[in-house]
PDB file of all heavy atoms in Angstrom:
ATOM      1  N   GLY A   1     -17.477  31.590   7.440  1.00  0.00           N
ATOM      2  CA  GLY A   1     -16.215  31.097   6.917  1.00  0.00           C
ATOM      3  C   GLY A   1     -15.725  29.810   7.538  1.00  0.00           C
ATOM      4  O   GLY A   1     -16.421  29.134   8.291  1.00  0.00           O
ATOM      5  N   VAL A   2     -14.489  29.488   7.205  1.00  0.00           N
ATOM      6  CA  VAL A   2     -13.834  28.232   7.576  1.00  0.00           C
ATOM      7  C   VAL A   2     -12.636  28.550   8.454  1.00  0.00           C
ATOM      8  O   VAL A   2     -11.890  29.502   8.182  1.00  0.00           O
ATOM      9  CB  VAL A   2     -13.359  27.492   6.308  1.00  0.00           C
ATOM     10  CG1 VAL A   2     -12.646  26.204   6.667  1.00  0.00           C
ATOM     11  CG2 VAL A   2     -14.532  27.226   5.383  1.00  0.00           C
ATOM     12  N   ASP A   3     -12.433  27.766   9.520  1.00  0.00           N
ATOM     13  CA  ASP A   3     -11.260  27.975  10.356  1.00  0.00           C
ATOM     14  C   ASP A   3     -10.078  27.124   9.876  1.00  0.00           C
ATOM     15  O   ASP A   3      -9.083  27.642   9.392  1.00  0.00           O
ATOM     16  CB  ASP A   3     -11.577  27.714  11.834  1.00  0.00           C
ATOM     17  CG  ASP A   3     -12.409  26.460  12.076  1.00  0.00           C
ATOM     18  OD1 ASP A   3     -12.413  25.564  11.213  1.00  0.00           O
ATOM     19  OD2 ASP A   3     -13.067  26.380  13.133  1.00  0.00           O
ATOM     20  N   GLN A   4     -10.184  25.809   9.984  1.00  0.00           N
ATOM     21  CA  GLN A   4      -9.094  24.918   9.590  1.00  0.00           C
ATOM     22  C   GLN A   4      -9.549  24.100   8.374  1.00  0.00           C
ATOM     23  O   GLN A   4     -10.357  23.191   8.492  1.00  0.00           O
ATOM     24  CB  GLN A   4      -8.711  23.999  10.755  1.00  0.00           C
ATOM     25  CG  GLN A   4      -8.274  24.729  12.015  1.00  0.00           C
ATOM     26  CD  GLN A   4      -7.012  25.546  11.809  1.00  0.00           C
ATOM     27  OE1 GLN A   4      -6.098  25.119  11.102  1.00  0.00           O
ATOM     28  NE2 GLN A   4      -6.952  26.722  12.414  1.00  0.00           N
ATOM     29  N   PRO A   5      -9.035  24.423   7.172  1.00  0.00           N
ATOM     30  CA  PRO A   5      -9.555  23.822   5.940  1.00  0.00           C
ATOM     31  C   PRO A   5      -9.002  22.441   5.603  1.00  0.00           C
ATOM     32  O   PRO A   5      -9.385  21.855   4.592  1.00  0.00           O
ATOM     33  CB  PRO A   5      -9.136  24.832   4.868  1.00  0.00           C
ATOM     34  CG  PRO A   5      -7.871  25.415   5.405  1.00  0.00           C
ATOM     35  CD  PRO A   5      -8.041  25.471   6.901  1.00  0.00           C
ATOM     36  N   VAL A   6      -8.095  21.932   6.433  1.00  0.00           N
ATOM     37  CA  VAL A   6      -7.441  20.650   6.141  1.00  0.00           C
ATOM     38  C   VAL A   6      -7.494  19.766   7.379  1.00  0.00           C
ATOM     39  O   VAL A   6      -7.341  20.250   8.501  1.00  0.00           O
ATOM     40  CB  VAL A   6      -5.961  20.871   5.726  1.00  0.00           C
ATOM     41  CG1 VAL A   6      -5.257  19.550   5.460  1.00  0.00           C
ATOM     42  CG2 VAL A   6      -5.882  21.762   4.487  1.00  0.00           C
ATOM     43  N   SER A   7      -7.700  18.479   7.171  1.00  0.00           N
ATOM     44  CA  SER A   7      -7.633  17.509   8.266  1.00  0.00           C
ATOM     45  C   SER A   7      -6.831  16.298   7.806  1.00  0.00           C
ATOM     46  O   SER A   7      -6.607  16.104   6.604  1.00  0.00           O
ATOM     47  CB  SER A   7      -9.042  17.076   8.702  1.00  0.00           C
ATOM     48  OG  SER A   7      -9.732  16.481   7.619  1.00  0.00           O
ATOM     49  N   ILE A   8      -6.387  15.499   8.761  1.00  0.00           N
ATOM     50  CA  ILE A   8      -5.616  14.306   8.422  1.00  0.00           C
ATOM     51  C   ILE A   8      -6.576  13.139   8.209  1.00  0.00           C
ATOM     52  O   ILE A   8      -7.308  12.742   9.111  1.00  0.00           O
ATOM     53  CB  ILE A   8      -4.601  13.965   9.527  1.00  0.00           C
ATOM     54  CG1 ILE A   8      -3.570  15.097   9.653  1.00  0.00           C
ATOM     55  CG2 ILE A   8      -3.883  12.647   9.215  1.00  0.00           C
ATOM     56  CD1 ILE A   8      -2.595  14.917  10.807  1.00  0.00           C
ATOM     57  N   ARG A   9      -6.567  12.613   6.999  1.00  0.00           N
ATOM     58  CA  ARG A   9      -7.415  11.464   6.684  1.00  0.00           C
ATOM     59  C   ARG A   9      -6.726  10.160   7.057  1.00  0.00           C
ATOM     60  O   ARG A   9      -7.355   9.219   7.529  1.00  0.00           O
ATOM     61  CB  ARG A   9      -7.741  11.482   5.189  1.00  0.00           C
ATOM     62  CG  ARG A   9      -8.429  10.227   4.678  1.00  0.00           C
ATOM     63  CD  ARG A   9      -8.818  10.353   3.233  1.00  0.00           C
ATOM     64  NE  ARG A   9      -9.178   9.072   2.655  1.00  0.00           N
ATOM     65  CZ  ARG A   9      -9.671   8.899   1.452  1.00  0.00           C
ATOM     66  NH1 ARG A   9      -9.891   9.953   0.683  1.00  0.00           N
ATOM     67  NH2 ARG A   9      -9.949   7.700   0.988  1.00  0.00           N
ATOM     68  N   GLU A  10      -5.420  10.114   6.821  1.00  0.00           N
ATOM     69  CA  GLU A  10      -4.656   8.898   7.097  1.00  0.00           C
ATOM     70  C   GLU A  10      -3.225   9.284   7.416  1.00  0.00           C
ATOM     71  O   GLU A  10      -2.699  10.265   6.874  1.00  0.00           O
ATOM     72  CB  GLU A  10      -4.698   7.979   5.867  1.00  0.00           C
ATOM     73  CG  GLU A  10      -4.044   6.624   6.051  1.00  0.00           C
ATOM     74  CD  GLU A  10      -4.193   5.739   4.818  1.00  0.00           C
ATOM     75  OE1 GLU A  10      -5.180   5.915   4.069  1.00  0.00           O
ATOM     76  OE2 GLU A  10      -3.317   4.883   4.610  1.00  0.00           O
ATOM     77  N   SER A  11      -2.586   8.540   8.290  1.00  0.00           N
ATOM     78  CA  SER A  11      -1.197   8.810   8.660  1.00  0.00           C
ATOM     79  C   SER A  11      -0.438   7.496   8.761  1.00  0.00           C
ATOM     80  O   SER A  11      -0.952   6.520   9.312  1.00  0.00           O
ATOM     81  CB  SER A  11      -1.134   9.554  10.005  1.00  0.00           C
ATOM     82  OG  SER A  11       0.200   9.697  10.443  1.00  0.00           O
ATOM     83  N   ARG A  12       0.756   7.476   8.198  1.00  0.00           N
ATOM     84  CA  ARG A  12       1.604   6.288   8.268  1.00  0.00           C
ATOM     85  C   ARG A  12       2.991   6.686   8.752  1.00  0.00           C
ATOM     86  O   ARG A  12       3.574   7.655   8.252  1.00  0.00           O
ATOM     87  CB  ARG A  12       1.719   5.612   6.893  1.00  0.00           C
ATOM     88  CG  ARG A  12       0.380   5.145   6.322  1.00  0.00           C
ATOM     89  CD  ARG A  12       0.566   4.434   5.009  1.00  0.00           C
ATOM     90  NE  ARG A  12      -0.708   3.992   4.459  1.00  0.00           N
ATOM     91  CZ  ARG A  12      -0.842   3.268   3.354  1.00  0.00           C
ATOM     92  NH1 ARG A  12       0.246   2.923   2.675  1.00  0.00           N
ATOM     93  NH2 ARG A  12      -2.029   2.908   2.921  1.00  0.00           N
ATOM     94  N   VAL A  13       3.525   5.948   9.703  1.00  0.00           N
ATOM     95  CA  VAL A  13       4.837   6.258  10.264  1.00  0.00           C
ATOM     96  C   VAL A  13       5.821   5.172   9.852  1.00  0.00           C
ATOM     97  O   VAL A  13       5.561   3.978  10.017  1.00  0.00           O
ATOM     98  CB  VAL A  13       4.780   6.367  11.803  1.00  0.00           C
ATOM     99  CG1 VAL A  13       6.165   6.669  12.364  1.00  0.00           C
ATOM    100  CG2 VAL A  13       3.797   7.449  12.223  1.00  0.00           C
ATOM    101  N   SER A  14       6.958   5.587   9.309  1.00  0.00           N
ATOM    102  CA  SER A  14       7.982   4.645   8.875  1.00  0.00           C
ATOM    103  C   SER A  14       8.641   3.962  10.068  1.00  0.00           C
ATOM    104  O   SER A  14       9.022   4.607  11.044  1.00  0.00           O
ATOM    105  CB  SER A  14       9.049   5.377   8.056  1.00  0.00           C
ATOM    106  OG  SER A  14      10.158   4.544   7.801  1.00  0.00           O
ATOM    107  N   LYS A  15       8.758   2.661   9.975  1.00  0.00           N
ATOM    108  CA  LYS A  15       9.481   1.912  11.001  1.00  0.00           C
ATOM    109  C   LYS A  15      10.989   2.049  10.819  1.00  0.00           C
ATOM    110  O   LYS A  15      11.758   1.714  11.716  1.00  0.00           O
ATOM    111  CB  LYS A  15       9.089   0.439  10.926  1.00  0.00           C
ATOM    112  CG  LYS A  15       7.620   0.166  11.268  1.00  0.00           C
ATOM    113  CD  LYS A  15       7.279  -1.305  11.120  1.00  0.00           C
ATOM    114  CE  LYS A  15       5.810  -1.555  11.434  1.00  0.00           C
ATOM    115  NZ  LYS A  15       5.437  -2.987  11.230  1.00  0.00           N
ATOM    116  N   LEU A  16      11.397   2.561   9.671  1.00  0.00           N
ATOM    117  CA  LEU A  16      12.822   2.680   9.370  1.00  0.00           C
ATOM    118  C   LEU A  16      13.443   3.935   9.968  1.00  0.00           C
ATOM    119  O   LEU A  16      14.549   3.886  10.516  1.00  0.00           O
ATOM    120  CB  LEU A  16      13.039   2.693   7.851  1.00  0.00           C
ATOM    121  CG  LEU A  16      12.529   1.463   7.079  1.00  0.00           C
ATOM    122  CD1 LEU A  16      12.709   1.674   5.583  1.00  0.00           C
ATOM    123  CD2 LEU A  16      13.271   0.212   7.537  1.00  0.00           C
ATOM    124  N   ASP A  17      12.728   5.083   9.875  1.00  0.00           N
ATOM    125  CA  ASP A  17      13.346   6.346  10.284  1.00  0.00           C
ATOM    126  C   ASP A  17      12.385   7.319  10.958  1.00  0.00           C
ATOM    127  O   ASP A  17      12.752   8.461  11.217  1.00  0.00           O
ATOM    128  CB  ASP A  17      14.005   7.025   9.072  1.00  0.00           C
ATOM    129  CG  ASP A  17      13.056   7.156   7.883  1.00  0.00           C
ATOM    130  OD1 ASP A  17      11.865   7.430   8.113  1.00  0.00           O
ATOM    131  OD2 ASP A  17      13.498   6.977   6.746  1.00  0.00           O
ATOM    132  N   GLY A  18      11.134   6.889  11.211  1.00  0.00           N
ATOM    133  CA  GLY A  18      10.180   7.766  11.888  1.00  0.00           C
ATOM    134  C   GLY A  18       9.512   8.790  11.006  1.00  0.00           C
ATOM    135  O   GLY A  18       8.704   9.603  11.478  1.00  0.00           O
ATOM    136  N   THR A  19       9.829   8.777   9.712  1.00  0.00           N
ATOM    137  CA  THR A  19       9.156   9.683   8.782  1.00  0.00           C
ATOM    138  C   THR A  19       7.654   9.404   8.796  1.00  0.00           C
ATOM    139  O   THR A  19       7.223   8.252   8.844  1.00  0.00           O
ATOM    140  CB  THR A  19       9.711   9.480   7.357  1.00  0.00           C
ATOM    141  OG1 THR A  19      11.085   9.857   7.346  1.00  0.00           O
ATOM    142  CG2 THR A  19       8.951  10.319   6.340  1.00  0.00           C
ATOM    143  N   GLU A  20       6.849  10.477   8.767  1.00  0.00           N
ATOM    144  CA  GLU A  20       5.400  10.318   8.816  1.00  0.00           C
ATOM    145  C   GLU A  20       4.785  10.845   7.526  1.00  0.00           C
ATOM    146  O   GLU A  20       5.024  11.977   7.120  1.00  0.00           O
ATOM    147  CB  GLU A  20       4.822  11.059  10.016  1.00  0.00           C
ATOM    148  CG  GLU A  20       3.370  10.744  10.291  1.00  0.00           C
ATOM    149  CD  GLU A  20       2.906  11.169  11.682  1.00  0.00           C
ATOM    150  OE1 GLU A  20       3.720  11.780  12.414  1.00  0.00           O
ATOM    151  OE2 GLU A  20       1.757  10.875  12.043  1.00  0.00           O
ATOM    152  N   LYS A  21       4.003   9.996   6.866  1.00  0.00           N
ATOM    153  CA  LYS A  21       3.331  10.371   5.619  1.00  0.00           C
ATOM    154  C   LYS A  21       1.863  10.632   5.919  1.00  0.00           C
ATOM    155  O   LYS A  21       1.184   9.826   6.539  1.00  0.00           O
ATOM    156  CB  LYS A  21       3.456   9.233   4.601  1.00  0.00           C
ATOM    157  CG  LYS A  21       2.833   9.525   3.236  1.00  0.00           C
ATOM    158  CD  LYS A  21       3.665  10.534   2.469  1.00  0.00           C
ATOM    159  CE  LYS A  21       3.109  10.777   1.072  1.00  0.00           C
ATOM    160  NZ  LYS A  21       3.627   9.857   0.073  1.00  0.00           N
ATOM    161  N   PHE A  22       1.385  11.801   5.482  1.00  0.00           N
ATOM    162  CA  PHE A  22      -0.004  12.174   5.705  1.00  0.00           C
ATOM    163  C   PHE A  22      -0.779  12.123   4.402  1.00  0.00           C
ATOM    164  O   PHE A  22      -0.278  12.540   3.348  1.00  0.00           O
ATOM    165  CB  PHE A  22      -0.108  13.604   6.256  1.00  0.00           C
ATOM    166  CG  PHE A  22       0.614  13.845   7.536  1.00  0.00           C
ATOM    167  CD1 PHE A  22       1.679  14.724   7.586  1.00  0.00           C
ATOM    168  CD2 PHE A  22       0.222  13.202   8.708  1.00  0.00           C
ATOM    169  CE1 PHE A  22       2.359  14.960   8.775  1.00  0.00           C
ATOM    170  CE2 PHE A  22       0.886  13.431   9.901  1.00  0.00           C
ATOM    171  CZ  PHE A  22       1.959  14.313   9.937  1.00  0.00           C
ATOM    172  N   LEU A  23      -1.995  11.642   4.484  1.00  0.00           N
ATOM    173  CA  LEU A  23      -2.976  11.864   3.441  1.00  0.00           C
ATOM    174  C   LEU A  23      -3.962  12.869   4.032  1.00  0.00           C
ATOM    175  O   LEU A  23      -4.688  12.551   4.982  1.00  0.00           O
ATOM    176  CB  LEU A  23      -3.673  10.560   3.055  1.00  0.00           C
ATOM    177  CG  LEU A  23      -4.555  10.635   1.808  1.00  0.00           C
ATOM    178  CD1 LEU A  23      -3.707  10.876   0.556  1.00  0.00           C
ATOM    179  CD2 LEU A  23      -5.370   9.359   1.638  1.00  0.00           C
ATOM    180  N   PHE A  24      -3.928  14.089   3.506  1.00  0.00           N
ATOM    181  CA  PHE A  24      -4.775  15.156   4.024  1.00  0.00           C
ATOM    182  C   PHE A  24      -6.110  15.177   3.278  1.00  0.00           C
ATOM    183  O   PHE A  24      -6.156  15.010   2.059  1.00  0.00           O
ATOM    184  CB  PHE A  24      -4.105  16.526   3.837  1.00  0.00           C
ATOM    185  CG  PHE A  24      -2.847  16.728   4.629  1.00  0.00           C
ATOM    186  CD1 PHE A  24      -1.632  16.936   3.996  1.00  0.00           C
ATOM    187  CD2 PHE A  24      -2.879  16.745   6.015  1.00  0.00           C
ATOM    188  CE1 PHE A  24      -0.467  17.150   4.719  1.00  0.00           C
ATOM    189  CE2 PHE A  24      -1.725  16.962   6.754  1.00  0.00           C
ATOM    190  CZ  PHE A  24      -0.521  17.159   6.106  1.00  0.00           C
ATOM    191  N   ALA A  25      -7.175  15.414   4.023  1.00  0.00           N
ATOM    192  CA  ALA A  25      -8.502  15.560   3.427  1.00  0.00           C
ATOM    193  C   ALA A  25      -8.843  17.042   3.305  1.00  0.00           C
ATOM    194  O   ALA A  25      -8.628  17.820   4.244  1.00  0.00           O
ATOM    195  CB  ALA A  25      -9.546  14.851   4.288  1.00  0.00           C
ATOM    196  N   LEU A  26      -9.364  17.430   2.147  1.00  0.00           N
ATOM    197  CA  LEU A  26      -9.825  18.793   1.918  1.00  0.00           C
ATOM    198  C   LEU A  26     -11.349  18.837   2.013  1.00  0.00           C
ATOM    199  O   LEU A  26     -12.020  17.813   1.918  1.00  0.00           O
ATOM    200  CB  LEU A  26      -9.360  19.284   0.543  1.00  0.00           C
ATOM    201  CG  LEU A  26      -7.853  19.175   0.272  1.00  0.00           C
ATOM    202  CD1 LEU A  26      -7.530  19.648  -1.136  1.00  0.00           C
ATOM    203  CD2 LEU A  26      -7.049  19.970   1.292  1.00  0.00           C
TER     204      LEU A  26
END
């Protein structure tokens, strides 16, 4: 089987408010 089925492919952090946007890889 599979343990962790998702990983972070790309991450962007907003300079305005610290919000972080993830592009997850399956």
